[in-house]
Amino acid sequence: MKIIKTTLPVNSALNISGKKYSYTDSFKGIVRNPKNNFTATDLGKAFFRSGPKWVGALFTLRNKIVSLFGLKTSSINKDRKKVLENFKCEPGDQLGLFKIFEKSENEIILGEDDKHLNFRVSLFKKQHSNEVNKKEITISTTVEFNNWFGKLYFLPVRPFHKIIVPTMLKGIIKELEKGIK
């Protein structure tokens, strides 16, 4: 499965806003989708289902460290599978650290605002240009630093982020393909 670095999709809500960000990155991959039947909600749920265990361990470590500085942390839900079954991915919904900000037919915007930085993640789907039974999925991250602490916080996060996001996208694609066969 090939994941490539790309740019923020032209039609993404994060791009249309015209905002300038302190940091942005995007990665895309292809989902084989013979039934052409998955929704933005399916894409959002796949995001939450597909995280590798080592990413979960990094989030746990992050939560322990940042709680010392009064930053937002996510609670651990013991019945995550049941929560995800009922999760609608609607604006205002929250799962862990991620709040849903926007939802359209082809995109979900999630993220969080905190005193040090604000971040958004776009999960964007579009028809693959060459084949009708494939969809292109792009995961984009934008960060706005609110102060010097946000810049300092992101310094050690940035190298991990460039590893985590493509890994997450591979997991999302596997999760979607598993559910649409």
N, C-alpha and C. Protein backbone atom coordinates (compact mmCIF):
# COMPACT_ATOMS: atom_id res chain seq x y z
N MET A 1 0.86 -1.18 0.00
CA MET A 1 0.00 0.00 0.00
C MET A 1 0.91 1.24 0.00
N LYS A 2 0.69 2.07 -0.98
CA LYS A 2 1.54 3.23 -1.15
C LYS A 2 0.87 4.48 -0.56
N ILE A 3 1.58 5.13 0.35
CA ILE A 3 1.14 6.39 0.94
C ILE A 3 2.13 7.45 0.48
N ILE A 4 1.61 8.56 -0.05
CA ILE A 4 2.52 9.60 -0.52
C ILE A 4 2.20 10.94 0.14
N LYS A 5 3.24 11.72 0.32
CA LYS A 5 3.09 13.08 0.83
C LYS A 5 2.46 13.92 -0.28
N THR A 6 1.54 14.78 0.10
CA THR A 6 0.82 15.58 -0.89
C THR A 6 0.54 16.96 -0.30
N THR A 7 -0.38 17.67 -0.88
CA THR A 7 -0.78 18.99 -0.38
C THR A 7 -2.21 18.92 0.12
N LEU A 8 -2.59 19.92 0.87
CA LEU A 8 -3.95 20.03 1.37
C LEU A 8 -4.90 20.07 0.18
N PRO A 9 -5.92 19.18 0.14
CA PRO A 9 -6.84 19.17 -1.00
C PRO A 9 -7.47 20.55 -1.25
N VAL A 10 -7.57 20.91 -2.50
CA VAL A 10 -8.11 22.20 -2.90
C VAL A 10 -9.50 22.43 -2.30
N ASN A 11 -10.34 21.40 -2.28
CA ASN A 11 -11.72 21.53 -1.81
C ASN A 11 -11.90 21.24 -0.32
N SER A 12 -10.81 21.03 0.41
CA SER A 12 -10.91 20.80 1.84
C SER A 12 -11.40 22.06 2.54
N ALA A 13 -12.24 21.89 3.55
CA ALA A 13 -12.71 23.02 4.34
C ALA A 13 -11.53 23.76 4.97
N LEU A 14 -10.45 23.06 5.25
CA LEU A 14 -9.27 23.71 5.83
C LEU A 14 -8.56 24.59 4.81
N ASN A 15 -8.69 24.27 3.55
CA ASN A 15 -8.05 25.05 2.49
C ASN A 15 -8.95 26.20 2.05
N ILE A 16 -10.23 25.96 2.00
CA ILE A 16 -11.19 26.97 1.55
C ILE A 16 -11.21 28.16 2.50
N SER A 17 -10.93 27.90 3.78
CA SER A 17 -11.00 28.98 4.77
C SER A 17 -10.00 30.09 4.49
N GLY A 18 -8.94 29.80 3.73
CA GLY A 18 -7.92 30.80 3.42
C GLY A 18 -6.99 31.12 4.57
N LYS A 19 -7.11 30.38 5.65
CA LYS A 19 -6.26 30.59 6.81
C LYS A 19 -4.81 30.21 6.51
N LYS A 20 -3.89 30.89 7.15
CA LYS A 20 -2.48 30.53 7.11
C LYS A 20 -2.18 29.78 8.42
N TYR A 21 -1.50 28.67 8.27
CA TYR A 21 -1.22 27.83 9.43
C TYR A 21 0.26 27.85 9.79
N SER A 22 0.56 27.57 11.05
CA SER A 22 1.94 27.47 11.50
C SER A 22 2.60 26.21 10.96
N TYR A 23 1.79 25.17 10.78
CA TYR A 23 2.29 23.89 10.27
C TYR A 23 1.15 23.21 9.52
N THR A 24 1.49 22.54 8.44
CA THR A 24 0.51 21.74 7.73
C THR A 24 1.22 20.58 7.04
N ASP A 25 0.55 19.46 6.97
CA ASP A 25 1.03 18.34 6.15
C ASP A 25 -0.16 17.53 5.68
N SER A 26 0.07 16.79 4.60
CA SER A 26 -0.99 15.95 4.03
C SER A 26 -0.36 14.70 3.44
N PHE A 27 -1.09 13.59 3.58
CA PHE A 27 -0.68 12.31 3.01
C PHE A 27 -1.91 11.69 2.35
N LYS A 28 -1.69 10.99 1.23
CA LYS A 28 -2.84 10.36 0.58
C LYS A 28 -2.53 8.92 0.19
N GLY A 29 -3.60 8.17 0.07
CA GLY A 29 -3.54 6.77 -0.34
C GLY A 29 -4.83 6.41 -1.05
N ILE A 30 -4.86 5.21 -1.60
CA ILE A 30 -6.00 4.76 -2.40
C ILE A 30 -6.73 3.63 -1.68
N VAL A 31 -8.06 3.74 -1.63
CA VAL A 31 -8.93 2.69 -1.10
C VAL A 31 -9.58 1.99 -2.29
N ARG A 32 -9.46 0.69 -2.34
CA ARG A 32 -10.17 -0.08 -3.36
C ARG A 32 -11.61 -0.21 -2.86
N ASN A 33 -12.53 0.32 -3.63
CA ASN A 33 -13.91 0.46 -3.18
C ASN A 33 -14.88 0.02 -4.27
N PRO A 34 -14.94 -1.31 -4.55
CA PRO A 34 -15.77 -1.79 -5.65
C PRO A 34 -17.25 -1.44 -5.51
N LYS A 35 -17.77 -1.35 -4.30
CA LYS A 35 -19.19 -1.06 -4.10
C LYS A 35 -19.48 0.45 -4.05
N ASN A 36 -18.42 1.24 -3.99
CA ASN A 36 -18.56 2.70 -3.94
C ASN A 36 -19.55 3.12 -2.85
N ASN A 37 -19.34 2.57 -1.64
CA ASN A 37 -20.39 2.70 -0.64
C ASN A 37 -19.97 3.22 0.73
N PHE A 38 -18.79 3.73 0.92
CA PHE A 38 -18.48 4.20 2.27
C PHE A 38 -18.68 5.72 2.36
N THR A 39 -19.05 6.15 3.56
CA THR A 39 -19.43 7.55 3.80
C THR A 39 -18.32 8.27 4.57
N ALA A 40 -18.51 9.56 4.74
CA ALA A 40 -17.58 10.34 5.57
C ALA A 40 -17.61 9.82 7.01
N THR A 41 -18.78 9.40 7.48
CA THR A 41 -18.88 8.83 8.83
C THR A 41 -18.05 7.55 8.93
N ASP A 42 -18.13 6.70 7.90
CA ASP A 42 -17.30 5.48 7.89
C ASP A 42 -15.82 5.84 7.94
N LEU A 43 -15.44 6.88 7.22
CA LEU A 43 -14.06 7.35 7.21
C LEU A 43 -13.64 7.82 8.61
N GLY A 44 -14.51 8.58 9.26
CA GLY A 44 -14.22 9.04 10.62
C GLY A 44 -14.09 7.89 11.61
N LYS A 45 -15.00 6.94 11.52
CA LYS A 45 -14.93 5.78 12.42
C LYS A 45 -13.66 4.96 12.16
N ALA A 46 -13.28 4.84 10.90
CA ALA A 46 -12.05 4.11 10.56
C ALA A 46 -10.84 4.79 11.18
N PHE A 47 -10.84 6.12 11.22
CA PHE A 47 -9.76 6.87 11.87
C PHE A 47 -9.63 6.44 13.33
N PHE A 48 -10.74 6.35 14.03
CA PHE A 48 -10.69 6.01 15.45
C PHE A 48 -10.43 4.53 15.70
N ARG A 49 -10.75 3.67 14.75
CA ARG A 49 -10.55 2.22 14.93
C ARG A 49 -9.15 1.76 14.55
N SER A 50 -8.45 2.53 13.75
CA SER A 50 -7.27 2.01 13.07
C SER A 50 -5.93 2.31 13.73
N GLY A 51 -5.94 3.03 14.81
CA GLY A 51 -4.66 3.41 15.42
C GLY A 51 -3.88 2.22 15.94
N PRO A 52 -2.60 2.12 15.57
CA PRO A 52 -1.79 1.03 16.10
C PRO A 52 -1.57 1.18 17.61
N LYS A 53 -1.29 0.09 18.28
CA LYS A 53 -1.13 0.11 19.73
C LYS A 53 0.01 1.03 20.16
N TRP A 54 1.08 1.09 19.37
CA TRP A 54 2.20 1.94 19.77
C TRP A 54 1.81 3.42 19.72
N VAL A 55 0.87 3.80 18.86
CA VAL A 55 0.38 5.18 18.84
C VAL A 55 -0.43 5.44 20.10
N GLY A 56 -1.24 4.47 20.50
CA GLY A 56 -1.98 4.59 21.75
C GLY A 56 -1.05 4.75 22.94
N ALA A 57 0.05 4.02 22.94
CA ALA A 57 1.03 4.13 24.02
C ALA A 57 1.67 5.53 24.03
N LEU A 58 1.95 6.07 22.85
CA LEU A 58 2.50 7.44 22.77
C LEU A 58 1.49 8.46 23.29
N PHE A 59 0.20 8.28 22.98
CA PHE A 59 -0.82 9.20 23.49
C PHE A 59 -0.92 9.13 25.01
N THR A 60 -0.81 7.92 25.56
CA THR A 60 -0.85 7.75 27.01
C THR A 60 0.32 8.50 27.65
N LEU A 61 1.52 8.34 27.08
CA LEU A 61 2.70 9.05 27.57
C LEU A 61 2.50 10.55 27.45
N ARG A 62 2.00 11.00 26.30
CA ARG A 62 1.74 12.43 26.07
C ARG A 62 0.80 12.97 27.13
N ASN A 63 -0.29 12.25 27.41
CA ASN A 63 -1.27 12.71 28.39
C ASN A 63 -0.65 12.86 29.77
N LYS A 64 0.22 11.94 30.16
CA LYS A 64 0.87 12.02 31.47
C LYS A 64 1.77 13.25 31.55
N ILE A 65 2.50 13.50 30.49
CA ILE A 65 3.43 14.63 30.50
C ILE A 65 2.69 15.97 30.44
N VAL A 66 1.76 16.12 29.50
CA VAL A 66 1.11 17.42 29.32
C VAL A 66 0.16 17.78 30.45
N SER A 67 -0.34 16.78 31.18
CA SER A 67 -1.23 17.09 32.30
C SER A 67 -0.48 17.90 33.36
N LEU A 68 0.83 17.74 33.43
CA LEU A 68 1.65 18.51 34.37
C LEU A 68 1.65 20.00 34.03
N PHE A 69 1.37 20.32 32.76
CA PHE A 69 1.38 21.71 32.30
C PHE A 69 -0.03 22.27 32.13
N GLY A 70 -1.03 21.51 32.54
CA GLY A 70 -2.41 21.99 32.47
C GLY A 70 -3.02 21.94 31.08
N LEU A 71 -2.46 21.13 30.19
CA LEU A 71 -3.01 21.00 28.84
C LEU A 71 -4.08 19.93 28.82
N LYS A 72 -4.91 19.96 27.78
CA LYS A 72 -6.01 19.00 27.66
C LYS A 72 -5.46 17.60 27.42
N THR A 73 -6.12 16.65 28.05
CA THR A 73 -5.79 15.23 27.85
C THR A 73 -7.07 14.50 27.49
N SER A 74 -6.90 13.29 26.99
CA SER A 74 -8.08 12.48 26.66
C SER A 74 -8.23 11.38 27.69
N SER A 75 -9.48 11.07 28.00
CA SER A 75 -9.74 9.98 28.92
C SER A 75 -9.72 8.67 28.14
N ILE A 76 -9.43 7.61 28.85
CA ILE A 76 -9.41 6.28 28.24
C ILE A 76 -10.78 5.65 28.45
N ASN A 77 -11.41 5.27 27.35
CA ASN A 77 -12.71 4.65 27.43
C ASN A 77 -12.53 3.14 27.31
N LYS A 78 -12.93 2.43 28.34
CA LYS A 78 -12.73 0.98 28.38
C LYS A 78 -13.61 0.24 27.37
N ASP A 79 -14.74 0.83 27.00
CA ASP A 79 -15.65 0.19 26.06
C ASP A 79 -15.65 0.95 24.74
N ARG A 80 -14.47 1.17 24.20
CA ARG A 80 -14.28 1.97 22.99
C ARG A 80 -15.05 1.41 21.80
N LYS A 81 -15.10 0.09 21.68
CA LYS A 81 -15.79 -0.54 20.55
C LYS A 81 -17.28 -0.16 20.56
N LYS A 82 -17.91 -0.23 21.72
CA LYS A 82 -19.33 0.12 21.83
C LYS A 82 -19.53 1.61 21.56
N VAL A 83 -18.64 2.45 22.08
CA VAL A 83 -18.74 3.89 21.85
C VAL A 83 -18.66 4.17 20.35
N LEU A 84 -17.74 3.51 19.65
CA LEU A 84 -17.58 3.72 18.21
C LEU A 84 -18.79 3.25 17.41
N GLU A 85 -19.45 2.19 17.84
CA GLU A 85 -20.65 1.71 17.15
C GLU A 85 -21.73 2.79 17.13
N ASN A 86 -21.84 3.54 18.22
CA ASN A 86 -22.87 4.56 18.35
C ASN A 86 -22.39 5.96 17.96
N PHE A 87 -21.12 6.10 17.63
CA PHE A 87 -20.54 7.40 17.31
C PHE A 87 -21.01 7.85 15.93
N LYS A 88 -21.55 9.06 15.84
CA LYS A 88 -22.14 9.56 14.59
C LYS A 88 -21.19 10.46 13.80
N CYS A 89 -20.08 10.86 14.41
CA CYS A 89 -19.14 11.78 13.75
C CYS A 89 -19.83 13.07 13.33
N GLU A 90 -20.68 13.59 14.17
CA GLU A 90 -21.39 14.84 13.89
C GLU A 90 -20.69 15.99 14.58
N PRO A 91 -20.76 17.19 14.00
CA PRO A 91 -20.15 18.35 14.64
C PRO A 91 -20.57 18.48 16.11
N GLY A 92 -19.58 18.68 16.96
CA GLY A 92 -19.80 18.76 18.41
C GLY A 92 -19.52 17.46 19.13
N ASP A 93 -19.61 16.32 18.42
CA ASP A 93 -19.28 15.03 19.05
C ASP A 93 -17.80 15.01 19.40
N GLN A 94 -17.45 14.27 20.44
CA GLN A 94 -16.06 14.18 20.84
C GLN A 94 -15.73 12.74 21.21
N LEU A 95 -14.54 12.31 20.81
CA LEU A 95 -14.03 11.00 21.18
C LEU A 95 -12.57 11.20 21.55
N GLY A 96 -12.26 10.96 22.82
CA GLY A 96 -10.90 11.21 23.29
C GLY A 96 -10.55 12.68 23.15
N LEU A 97 -9.40 12.95 22.59
CA LEU A 97 -8.94 14.32 22.41
C LEU A 97 -9.54 15.00 21.19
N PHE A 98 -10.24 14.26 20.37
CA PHE A 98 -10.70 14.75 19.07
C PHE A 98 -12.17 15.14 19.08
N LYS A 99 -12.43 16.41 18.80
CA LYS A 99 -13.78 16.94 18.66
C LYS A 99 -14.07 17.07 17.17
N ILE A 100 -15.30 16.73 16.76
CA ILE A 100 -15.70 16.90 15.37
C ILE A 100 -16.13 18.36 15.19
N PHE A 101 -15.48 19.05 14.25
CA PHE A 101 -15.79 20.45 13.98
C PHE A 101 -16.70 20.61 12.77
N GLU A 102 -16.45 19.84 11.72
CA GLU A 102 -17.26 19.95 10.50
C GLU A 102 -17.41 18.58 9.88
N LYS A 103 -18.50 18.43 9.13
CA LYS A 103 -18.73 17.20 8.40
C LYS A 103 -19.48 17.53 7.13
N SER A 104 -19.00 16.98 6.03
CA SER A 104 -19.69 17.10 4.75
C SER A 104 -19.76 15.72 4.13
N GLU A 105 -20.27 15.63 2.94
CA GLU A 105 -20.37 14.34 2.26
C GLU A 105 -19.00 13.69 2.07
N ASN A 106 -17.96 14.49 1.88
CA ASN A 106 -16.64 13.96 1.55
C ASN A 106 -15.55 14.26 2.57
N GLU A 107 -15.89 14.89 3.70
CA GLU A 107 -14.83 15.30 4.62
C GLU A 107 -15.34 15.40 6.05
N ILE A 108 -14.44 15.05 6.95
CA ILE A 108 -14.67 15.29 8.37
C ILE A 108 -13.47 16.09 8.87
N ILE A 109 -13.76 17.15 9.63
CA ILE A 109 -12.71 17.95 10.26
C ILE A 109 -12.81 17.72 11.76
N LEU A 110 -11.71 17.26 12.34
CA LEU A 110 -11.68 17.03 13.78
C LEU A 110 -10.43 17.66 14.35
N GLY A 111 -10.37 17.79 15.65
CA GLY A 111 -9.20 18.39 16.28
C GLY A 111 -9.52 18.88 17.66
N GLU A 112 -8.76 19.89 18.08
CA GLU A 112 -8.96 20.46 19.41
C GLU A 112 -8.28 21.81 19.48
N ASP A 113 -8.81 22.66 20.35
CA ASP A 113 -8.21 23.95 20.66
C ASP A 113 -7.70 23.87 22.09
N ASP A 114 -6.51 24.34 22.31
CA ASP A 114 -5.94 24.37 23.65
C ASP A 114 -5.20 25.69 23.81
N LYS A 115 -4.70 25.95 25.00
CA LYS A 115 -4.07 27.25 25.22
C LYS A 115 -2.74 27.40 24.49
N HIS A 116 -2.07 26.30 24.16
CA HIS A 116 -0.76 26.38 23.51
C HIS A 116 -0.84 26.30 21.99
N LEU A 117 -1.82 25.52 21.47
CA LEU A 117 -2.00 25.40 20.02
C LEU A 117 -3.38 24.87 19.71
N ASN A 118 -3.79 25.09 18.47
CA ASN A 118 -5.03 24.52 17.94
C ASN A 118 -4.64 23.63 16.77
N PHE A 119 -5.26 22.47 16.68
CA PHE A 119 -4.96 21.60 15.54
C PHE A 119 -6.25 21.08 14.93
N ARG A 120 -6.17 20.81 13.63
CA ARG A 120 -7.28 20.21 12.91
C ARG A 120 -6.74 19.08 12.05
N VAL A 121 -7.55 18.05 11.92
CA VAL A 121 -7.26 16.92 11.05
C VAL A 121 -8.41 16.83 10.06
N SER A 122 -8.07 16.81 8.78
CA SER A 122 -9.07 16.62 7.73
C SER A 122 -8.96 15.20 7.22
N LEU A 123 -10.08 14.52 7.18
CA LEU A 123 -10.19 13.21 6.54
C LEU A 123 -11.03 13.45 5.30
N PHE A 124 -10.39 13.41 4.13
CA PHE A 124 -11.01 13.85 2.89
C PHE A 124 -11.02 12.71 1.88
N LYS A 125 -12.19 12.47 1.27
CA LYS A 125 -12.28 11.42 0.26
C LYS A 125 -12.74 12.02 -1.06
N LYS A 126 -12.21 11.48 -2.14
CA LYS A 126 -12.68 11.88 -3.46
C LYS A 126 -12.50 10.71 -4.41
N GLN A 127 -13.21 10.77 -5.49
CA GLN A 127 -13.11 9.72 -6.51
C GLN A 127 -11.71 9.72 -7.10
N HIS A 128 -11.12 8.55 -7.22
CA HIS A 128 -9.83 8.42 -7.87
C HIS A 128 -9.99 8.78 -9.34
N SER A 129 -9.06 9.54 -9.86
CA SER A 129 -9.23 10.06 -11.22
C SER A 129 -9.18 8.99 -12.30
N ASN A 130 -8.51 7.86 -12.05
CA ASN A 130 -8.33 6.86 -13.10
C ASN A 130 -9.30 5.69 -13.05
N GLU A 131 -9.77 5.34 -11.86
CA GLU A 131 -10.58 4.13 -11.74
C GLU A 131 -11.81 4.38 -10.88
N VAL A 132 -12.95 3.97 -11.38
CA VAL A 132 -14.22 4.21 -10.70
C VAL A 132 -14.34 3.42 -9.39
N ASN A 133 -13.65 2.31 -9.27
CA ASN A 133 -13.77 1.48 -8.06
C ASN A 133 -12.71 1.82 -7.01
N LYS A 134 -12.12 3.01 -7.11
CA LYS A 134 -11.13 3.44 -6.12
C LYS A 134 -11.46 4.84 -5.64
N LYS A 135 -11.15 5.09 -4.37
CA LYS A 135 -11.29 6.42 -3.77
C LYS A 135 -9.91 6.85 -3.27
N GLU A 136 -9.67 8.13 -3.38
CA GLU A 136 -8.43 8.71 -2.85
C GLU A 136 -8.76 9.28 -1.47
N ILE A 137 -7.98 8.89 -0.48
CA ILE A 137 -8.16 9.39 0.89
C ILE A 137 -6.96 10.25 1.23
N THR A 138 -7.23 11.45 1.71
CA THR A 138 -6.15 12.35 2.14
C THR A 138 -6.39 12.70 3.59
N ILE A 139 -5.35 12.54 4.40
CA ILE A 139 -5.40 12.98 5.79
C ILE A 139 -4.44 14.16 5.91
N SER A 140 -4.99 15.28 6.34
CA SER A 140 -4.21 16.51 6.46
C SER A 140 -4.27 17.00 7.89
N THR A 141 -3.18 17.59 8.34
CA THR A 141 -3.11 18.17 9.68
C THR A 141 -2.70 19.62 9.56
N THR A 142 -3.39 20.48 10.28
CA THR A 142 -2.97 21.87 10.39
C THR A 142 -2.80 22.21 11.86
N VAL A 143 -1.83 23.06 12.13
CA VAL A 143 -1.55 23.49 13.50
C VAL A 143 -1.39 25.01 13.51
N GLU A 144 -2.01 25.63 14.50
CA GLU A 144 -1.82 27.06 14.75
C GLU A 144 -1.24 27.20 16.15
N PHE A 145 -0.06 27.80 16.23
CA PHE A 145 0.55 28.03 17.54
C PHE A 145 -0.08 29.26 18.18
N ASN A 146 -0.45 29.13 19.44
CA ASN A 146 -1.05 30.25 20.16
C ASN A 146 -0.02 31.04 20.96
N ASN A 147 1.14 30.42 21.20
CA ASN A 147 2.18 31.08 21.98
C ASN A 147 3.49 30.31 21.81
N TRP A 148 4.53 30.77 22.47
CA TRP A 148 5.85 30.13 22.35
C TRP A 148 5.82 28.69 22.87
N PHE A 149 4.95 28.42 23.85
CA PHE A 149 4.87 27.06 24.39
C PHE A 149 4.34 26.08 23.34
N GLY A 150 3.44 26.55 22.49
CA GLY A 150 2.94 25.71 21.40
C GLY A 150 4.06 25.31 20.46
N LYS A 151 4.93 26.26 20.13
CA LYS A 151 6.08 25.96 19.26
C LYS A 151 7.01 24.97 19.95
N LEU A 152 7.28 25.19 21.24
CA LEU A 152 8.14 24.31 22.00
C LEU A 152 7.55 22.90 22.11
N TYR A 153 6.25 22.82 22.37
CA TYR A 153 5.54 21.55 22.48
C TYR A 153 5.66 20.75 21.18
N PHE A 154 5.51 21.44 20.05
CA PHE A 154 5.46 20.76 18.76
C PHE A 154 6.84 20.29 18.28
N LEU A 155 7.92 20.87 18.80
CA LEU A 155 9.27 20.45 18.36
C LEU A 155 9.49 18.94 18.48
N PRO A 156 9.26 18.31 19.63
CA PRO A 156 9.46 16.86 19.70
C PRO A 156 8.31 16.06 19.06
N VAL A 157 7.14 16.68 18.91
CA VAL A 157 5.98 15.99 18.32
C VAL A 157 6.16 15.84 16.81
N ARG A 158 6.72 16.85 16.16
CA ARG A 158 6.80 16.91 14.70
C ARG A 158 7.43 15.67 14.06
N PRO A 159 8.59 15.19 14.52
CA PRO A 159 9.16 13.99 13.87
C PRO A 159 8.27 12.75 14.04
N PHE A 160 7.63 12.61 15.20
CA PHE A 160 6.72 11.49 15.42
C PHE A 160 5.49 11.62 14.52
N HIS A 161 5.02 12.84 14.38
CA HIS A 161 3.83 13.11 13.58
C HIS A 161 4.03 12.62 12.14
N LYS A 162 5.21 12.84 11.59
CA LYS A 162 5.49 12.45 10.21
C LYS A 162 5.56 10.93 10.03
N ILE A 163 5.67 10.21 11.14
CA ILE A 163 5.64 8.75 11.11
C ILE A 163 4.22 8.25 11.41
N ILE A 164 3.59 8.87 12.39
CA ILE A 164 2.28 8.43 12.85
C ILE A 164 1.20 8.61 11.78
N VAL A 165 1.16 9.76 11.12
CA VAL A 165 0.06 10.05 10.19
C VAL A 165 0.03 9.08 9.01
N PRO A 166 1.15 8.81 8.32
CA PRO A 166 1.08 7.81 7.24
C PRO A 166 0.70 6.42 7.75
N THR A 167 1.17 6.08 8.95
CA THR A 167 0.80 4.79 9.55
C THR A 167 -0.70 4.75 9.82
N MET A 168 -1.24 5.84 10.34
CA MET A 168 -2.68 5.92 10.59
C MET A 168 -3.45 5.79 9.28
N LEU A 169 -2.98 6.44 8.22
CA LEU A 169 -3.68 6.38 6.94
C LEU A 169 -3.70 4.95 6.40
N LYS A 170 -2.61 4.23 6.53
CA LYS A 170 -2.59 2.81 6.13
C LYS A 170 -3.65 2.04 6.90
N GLY A 171 -3.74 2.30 8.20
CA GLY A 171 -4.74 1.62 9.03
C GLY A 171 -6.16 1.99 8.63
N ILE A 172 -6.39 3.24 8.31
CA ILE A 172 -7.71 3.70 7.86
C ILE A 172 -8.11 2.97 6.58
N ILE A 173 -7.18 2.90 5.64
CA ILE A 173 -7.46 2.23 4.36
C ILE A 173 -7.76 0.75 4.58
N LYS A 174 -6.96 0.09 5.41
CA LYS A 174 -7.23 -1.33 5.71
C LYS A 174 -8.60 -1.50 6.36
N GLU A 175 -8.93 -0.62 7.29
CA GLU A 175 -10.21 -0.69 7.97
C GLU A 175 -11.37 -0.48 6.99
N LEU A 176 -11.24 0.49 6.11
CA LEU A 176 -12.30 0.73 5.11
C LEU A 176 -12.44 -0.43 4.16
N GLU A 177 -11.32 -0.95 3.67
CA GLU A 177 -11.38 -2.06 2.71
C GLU A 177 -11.96 -3.31 3.36
N LYS A 178 -11.67 -3.51 4.62
CA LYS A 178 -12.22 -4.65 5.35
C LYS A 178 -13.75 -4.55 5.44
N GLY A 179 -14.24 -3.32 5.64
CA GLY A 179 -15.68 -3.12 5.82
C GLY A 179 -16.48 -3.05 4.55
N ILE A 180 -15.82 -2.94 3.37
CA ILE A 180 -16.59 -2.77 2.14
C ILE A 180 -16.47 -3.94 1.18
N LYS A 181 -15.89 -5.03 1.62
CA LYS A 181 -15.76 -6.20 0.74
C LYS A 181 -17.04 -6.99 0.70
